[in-house]
Amino acid sequence: MQALHLSASKTGLQGLIRAIDEAQAEDCLANPLTPAQWEALSAYLQPYALDAGQVLFAQGVSDRTLYLIESGNLSVHYEDEKARLRMAMVGAGSVVGEGAFFSHRPRSATVQAAAPCRLWALTALRFTELSNRQPAIALGLCMAAGAVLAKRLGNRRRRVAAT
């Protein structure tokens, strides 16, 4: 199943910003941007909606898209020939896909919607454009996503959940 691609609007990021500001999870995303920077960033993000049970991306796939979670919960699980093991649940105000985004390696786990979700996708190509046109915004977002990755890698239970 494919994620449903939605059309973005200038005010569409308000729910995401609110989710980031209200998030309480240990690995939530810190708000790195000003309102004007969020507005500029909106041109580079693609909104997606997932139904419960829909797979966002599969383990082993080569894709560097970073996803910011506005609402819902995502299950992160690892599969081998013997079993499927859930590594983490990731909720609103955080990110998934940060491992492949930074490492340029295939996805280390499968991410699936545990509930209906609204996400914002930043592809590698759009990030390159953002870096060239808005370097301060790109750096702020990278530092925030890097902090999430560092928190996950520092937590033994969630280490493999860095997707």
C-alpha atoms as a PDB file:
ATOM      1  CA  MET A   1       0.000   0.000   0.000  1.00  0.00           C
ATOM      2  CA  GLN A   2       1.175   3.505  -0.768  1.00  0.00           C
ATOM      3  CA  ALA A   3       0.818   6.512   1.500  1.00  0.00           C
ATOM      4  CA  LEU A   4      -1.792   8.986   0.357  1.00  0.00           C
ATOM      5  CA  HIS A   5      -0.106  12.143  -0.896  1.00  0.00           C
ATOM      6  CA  LEU A   6      -1.982  15.275   0.078  1.00  0.00           C
ATOM      7  CA  SER A   7      -1.616  18.832  -1.149  1.00  0.00           C
ATOM      8  CA  ALA A   8       0.239  21.271   1.110  1.00  0.00           C
ATOM      9  CA  SER A   9      -1.010  24.636   2.213  1.00  0.00           C
ATOM     10  CA  LYS A  10       0.881  27.509   3.781  1.00  0.00           C
ATOM     11  CA  THR A  11      -0.866  27.033   7.118  1.00  0.00           C
ATOM     12  CA  GLY A  12      -0.715  23.257   6.905  1.00  0.00           C
ATOM     13  CA  LEU A  13       2.269  22.974   9.238  1.00  0.00           C
ATOM     14  CA  GLN A  14       0.446  24.419  12.258  1.00  0.00           C
ATOM     15  CA  GLY A  15      -0.586  20.941  13.425  1.00  0.00           C
ATOM     16  CA  LEU A  16       2.978  19.664  13.058  1.00  0.00           C
ATOM     17  CA  ILE A  17       4.451  22.629  14.936  1.00  0.00           C
ATOM     18  CA  ARG A  18       1.895  22.148  17.722  1.00  0.00           C
ATOM     19  CA  ALA A  19       2.699  18.408  17.899  1.00  0.00           C
ATOM     20  CA  ILE A  20       6.425  19.154  18.210  1.00  0.00           C
ATOM     21  CA  ASP A  21       5.838  21.809  20.876  1.00  0.00           C
ATOM     22  CA  GLU A  22       3.554  19.509  22.902  1.00  0.00           C
ATOM     23  CA  ALA A  23       5.502  16.242  22.519  1.00  0.00           C
ATOM     24  CA  GLN A  24       6.691  14.662  25.761  1.00  0.00           C
ATOM     25  CA  ALA A  25       8.449  11.502  24.519  1.00  0.00           C
ATOM     26  CA  GLU A  26      12.116  11.031  25.288  1.00  0.00           C
ATOM     27  CA  ASP A  27      12.976  11.026  21.584  1.00  0.00           C
ATOM     28  CA  CYS A  28      10.711  13.855  20.454  1.00  0.00           C
ATOM     29  CA  LEU A  29      11.890  16.530  18.052  1.00  0.00           C
ATOM     30  CA  ALA A  30      12.873  19.884  19.564  1.00  0.00           C
ATOM     31  CA  ASN A  31      11.421  22.851  17.685  1.00  0.00           C
ATOM     32  CA  PRO A  32      14.465  24.249  15.859  1.00  0.00           C
ATOM     33  CA  LEU A  33      12.750  26.924  13.752  1.00  0.00           C
ATOM     34  CA  THR A  34      10.995  30.266  13.946  1.00  0.00           C
ATOM     35  CA  PRO A  35       7.480  30.669  12.516  1.00  0.00           C
ATOM     36  CA  ALA A  36       8.932  32.368   9.408  1.00  0.00           C
ATOM     37  CA  GLN A  37      11.387  29.493   8.929  1.00  0.00           C
ATOM     38  CA  TRP A  38       8.562  26.936   9.232  1.00  0.00           C
ATOM     39  CA  GLU A  39       6.665  28.832   6.546  1.00  0.00           C
ATOM     40  CA  ALA A  40       9.726  28.714   4.255  1.00  0.00           C
ATOM     41  CA  LEU A  41      10.221  24.998   5.025  1.00  0.00           C
ATOM     42  CA  SER A  42       6.622  24.196   4.076  1.00  0.00           C
ATOM     43  CA  ALA A  43       7.525  24.574   0.387  1.00  0.00           C
ATOM     44  CA  TYR A  44       9.948  21.640   0.710  1.00  0.00           C
ATOM     45  CA  LEU A  45       7.707  19.221   2.628  1.00  0.00           C
ATOM     46  CA  GLN A  46       5.079  16.853   1.228  1.00  0.00           C
ATOM     47  CA  PRO A  47       2.098  15.920   3.428  1.00  0.00           C
ATOM     48  CA  TYR A  48       1.085  12.270   3.672  1.00  0.00           C
ATOM     49  CA  ALA A  49      -1.737  10.404   5.351  1.00  0.00           C
ATOM     50  CA  LEU A  50      -1.555   6.764   6.396  1.00  0.00           C
ATOM     51  CA  ASP A  51      -4.385   4.489   7.474  1.00  0.00           C
ATOM     52  CA  ALA A  52      -3.859   2.131  10.396  1.00  0.00           C
ATOM     53  CA  GLY A  53      -1.860  -0.886   9.216  1.00  0.00           C
ATOM     54  CA  GLN A  54      -0.339   0.864   6.204  1.00  0.00           C
ATOM     55  CA  VAL A  55       3.434   0.495   5.760  1.00  0.00           C
ATOM     56  CA  LEU A  56       5.329   3.772   5.420  1.00  0.00           C
ATOM     57  CA  PHE A  57       8.583   2.083   4.387  1.00  0.00           C
ATOM     58  CA  ALA A  58      10.053  -1.405   4.525  1.00  0.00           C
ATOM     59  CA  GLN A  59      13.278  -2.664   6.013  1.00  0.00           C
ATOM     60  CA  GLY A  60      16.027  -2.891   3.391  1.00  0.00           C
ATOM     61  CA  VAL A  61      14.600  -0.248   1.043  1.00  0.00           C
ATOM     62  CA  SER A  62      17.060   2.373  -0.201  1.00  0.00           C
ATOM     63  CA  ASP A  63      15.330   5.685   0.424  1.00  0.00           C
ATOM     64  CA  ARG A  64      16.539   8.668   2.448  1.00  0.00           C
ATOM     65  CA  THR A  65      13.236  10.447   3.045  1.00  0.00           C
ATOM     66  CA  LEU A  66      12.856  11.940   6.518  1.00  0.00           C
ATOM     67  CA  TYR A  67       9.313  11.978   7.949  1.00  0.00           C
ATOM     68  CA  LEU A  68       8.048  14.424  10.574  1.00  0.00           C
ATOM     69  CA  ILE A  69       5.029  13.073  12.471  1.00  0.00           C
ATOM     70  CA  GLU A  70       2.090  15.413  13.003  1.00  0.00           C
ATOM     71  CA  SER A  71      -0.388  12.888  14.395  1.00  0.00           C
ATOM     72  CA  GLY A  72      -0.830   9.189  15.030  1.00  0.00           C
ATOM     73  CA  ASN A  73       1.537   6.423  16.083  1.00  0.00           C
ATOM     74  CA  LEU A  74       3.967   4.394  14.032  1.00  0.00           C
ATOM     75  CA  SER A  75       5.269   0.931  14.879  1.00  0.00           C
ATOM     76  CA  VAL A  76       8.934   0.307  14.136  1.00  0.00           C
ATOM     77  CA  HIS A  77       9.804  -3.349  13.720  1.00  0.00           C
ATOM     78  CA  TYR A  78      12.737  -5.458  12.606  1.00  0.00           C
ATOM     79  CA  GLU A  79      12.299  -8.714  10.739  1.00  0.00           C
ATOM     80  CA  ASP A  80      14.648 -11.638  10.172  1.00  0.00           C
ATOM     81  CA  GLU A  81      14.037 -15.158   8.899  1.00  0.00           C
ATOM     82  CA  LYS A  82      12.775 -16.260  12.329  1.00  0.00           C
ATOM     83  CA  ALA A  83      10.567 -13.499  13.651  1.00  0.00           C
ATOM     84  CA  ARG A  84       9.263  -9.957  13.579  1.00  0.00           C
ATOM     85  CA  LEU A  85      10.235  -7.868  16.604  1.00  0.00           C
ATOM     86  CA  ARG A  86       8.685  -4.509  17.446  1.00  0.00           C
ATOM     87  CA  MET A  87      11.455  -2.144  18.463  1.00  0.00           C
ATOM     88  CA  ALA A  88       9.512   1.026  19.236  1.00  0.00           C
ATOM     89  CA  MET A  89       6.376   3.080  18.895  1.00  0.00           C
ATOM     90  CA  VAL A  90       6.956   6.587  17.586  1.00  0.00           C
ATOM     91  CA  GLY A  91       4.350   9.284  17.994  1.00  0.00           C
ATOM     92  CA  ALA A  92       3.423  12.813  17.085  1.00  0.00           C
ATOM     93  CA  GLY A  93       6.152  15.402  17.418  1.00  0.00           C
ATOM     94  CA  SER A  94       8.977  13.100  16.420  1.00  0.00           C
ATOM     95  CA  VAL A  95      10.603  11.809  13.230  1.00  0.00           C
ATOM     96  CA  VAL A  96      11.208   8.503  11.467  1.00  0.00           C
ATOM     97  CA  GLY A  97      13.654   7.741   8.710  1.00  0.00           C
ATOM     98  CA  GLU A  98      16.495   9.614  10.377  1.00  0.00           C
ATOM     99  CA  GLY A  99      18.952   6.695  10.214  1.00  0.00           C
ATOM    100  CA  ALA A 100      18.846   6.335   6.422  1.00  0.00           C
ATOM    101  CA  PHE A 101      18.595  10.109   5.995  1.00  0.00           C
ATOM    102  CA  PHE A 102      21.993  10.589   7.639  1.00  0.00           C
ATOM    103  CA  SER A 103      23.745   7.307   6.761  1.00  0.00           C
ATOM    104  CA  HIS A 104      22.781   6.912   3.062  1.00  0.00           C
ATOM    105  CA  ARG A 105      22.156   3.233   3.887  1.00  0.00           C
ATOM    106  CA  PRO A 106      19.022   1.108   3.392  1.00  0.00           C
ATOM    107  CA  ARG A 107      16.246   1.264   5.982  1.00  0.00           C
ATOM    108  CA  SER A 108      17.121  -0.717   9.110  1.00  0.00           C
ATOM    109  CA  ALA A 109      13.509  -1.444  10.050  1.00  0.00           C
ATOM    110  CA  THR A 110       9.957  -1.416   8.738  1.00  0.00           C
ATOM    111  CA  VAL A 111       7.678   1.422   9.848  1.00  0.00           C
ATOM    112  CA  GLN A 112       3.919   0.852   9.839  1.00  0.00           C
ATOM    113  CA  ALA A 113       1.017   3.005  11.025  1.00  0.00           C
ATOM    114  CA  ALA A 114      -0.436   1.680  14.282  1.00  0.00           C
ATOM    115  CA  ALA A 115      -3.194   4.287  14.003  1.00  0.00           C
ATOM    116  CA  PRO A 116      -4.160   6.784  11.310  1.00  0.00           C
ATOM    117  CA  CYS A 117      -1.226   9.169  10.822  1.00  0.00           C
ATOM    118  CA  ARG A 118      -0.459  12.507   9.236  1.00  0.00           C
ATOM    119  CA  LEU A 119       3.180  12.980   8.244  1.00  0.00           C
ATOM    120  CA  TRP A 120       5.373  15.484   6.434  1.00  0.00           C
ATOM    121  CA  ALA A 121       8.045  14.072   4.110  1.00  0.00           C
ATOM    122  CA  LEU A 122      11.361  15.680   3.245  1.00  0.00           C
ATOM    123  CA  THR A 123      13.045  13.792   0.387  1.00  0.00           C
ATOM    124  CA  ALA A 124      16.814  13.839  -0.088  1.00  0.00           C
ATOM    125  CA  LEU A 125      16.430  15.890  -3.263  1.00  0.00           C
ATOM    126  CA  ARG A 126      14.242  18.498  -1.558  1.00  0.00           C
ATOM    127  CA  PHE A 127      16.691  18.604   1.376  1.00  0.00           C
ATOM    128  CA  THR A 128      19.530  19.364  -1.058  1.00  0.00           C
ATOM    129  CA  GLU A 129      17.458  22.214  -2.510  1.00  0.00           C
ATOM    130  CA  LEU A 130      16.657  23.449   0.999  1.00  0.00           C
ATOM    131  CA  SER A 131      20.356  23.338   1.935  1.00  0.00           C
ATOM    132  CA  ASN A 132      21.281  25.434  -1.091  1.00  0.00           C
ATOM    133  CA  ARG A 133      18.479  27.987  -0.740  1.00  0.00           C
ATOM    134  CA  GLN A 134      17.857  28.111   3.017  1.00  0.00           C
ATOM    135  CA  PRO A 135      21.021  26.815   4.763  1.00  0.00           C
ATOM    136  CA  ALA A 136      20.026  28.040   8.243  1.00  0.00           C
ATOM    137  CA  ILE A 137      16.724  26.161   8.063  1.00  0.00           C
ATOM    138  CA  ALA A 138      18.434  23.017   6.732  1.00  0.00           C
ATOM    139  CA  LEU A 139      21.014  23.173   9.526  1.00  0.00           C
ATOM    140  CA  GLY A 140      18.371  23.682  12.220  1.00  0.00           C
ATOM    141  CA  LEU A 141      16.320  20.751  10.974  1.00  0.00           C
ATOM    142  CA  CYS A 142      19.425  18.550  10.668  1.00  0.00           C
ATOM    143  CA  MET A 143      20.555  19.352  14.188  1.00  0.00           C
ATOM    144  CA  ALA A 144      17.087  18.559  15.578  1.00  0.00           C
ATOM    145  CA  ALA A 145      16.832  15.261  13.642  1.00  0.00           C
ATOM    146  CA  GLY A 146      20.427  14.428  14.630  1.00  0.00           C
ATOM    147  CA  ALA A 147      19.513  14.963  18.293  1.00  0.00           C
ATOM    148  CA  VAL A 148      16.630  12.488  17.918  1.00  0.00           C
ATOM    149  CA  LEU A 149      19.013   9.976  16.336  1.00  0.00           C
ATOM    150  CA  ALA A 150      21.531  10.456  19.162  1.00  0.00           C
ATOM    151  CA  LYS A 151      18.807   9.944  21.799  1.00  0.00           C
ATOM    152  CA  ARG A 152      17.658   6.748  20.103  1.00  0.00           C
ATOM    153  CA  LEU A 153      21.186   5.397  19.749  1.00  0.00           C
ATOM    154  CA  GLY A 154      21.861   6.197  23.409  1.00  0.00           C
ATOM    155  CA  ASN A 155      18.839   4.159  24.513  1.00  0.00           C
ATOM    156  CA  ARG A 156      19.681   0.433  24.272  1.00  0.00           C
ATOM    157  CA  ARG A 157      16.068  -0.648  23.779  1.00  0.00           C
ATOM    158  CA  ARG A 158      15.500   1.785  20.935  1.00  0.00           C
ATOM    159  CA  ARG A 159      18.932   1.645  19.285  1.00  0.00           C
ATOM    160  CA  VAL A 160      17.770  -0.493  16.387  1.00  0.00           C
ATOM    161  CA  ALA A 161      14.706   1.735  16.018  1.00  0.00           C
ATOM    162  CA  ALA A 162      16.835   4.399  14.340  1.00  0.00           C
ATOM    163  CA  THR A 163      15.285   3.950  10.908  1.00  0.00           C
END
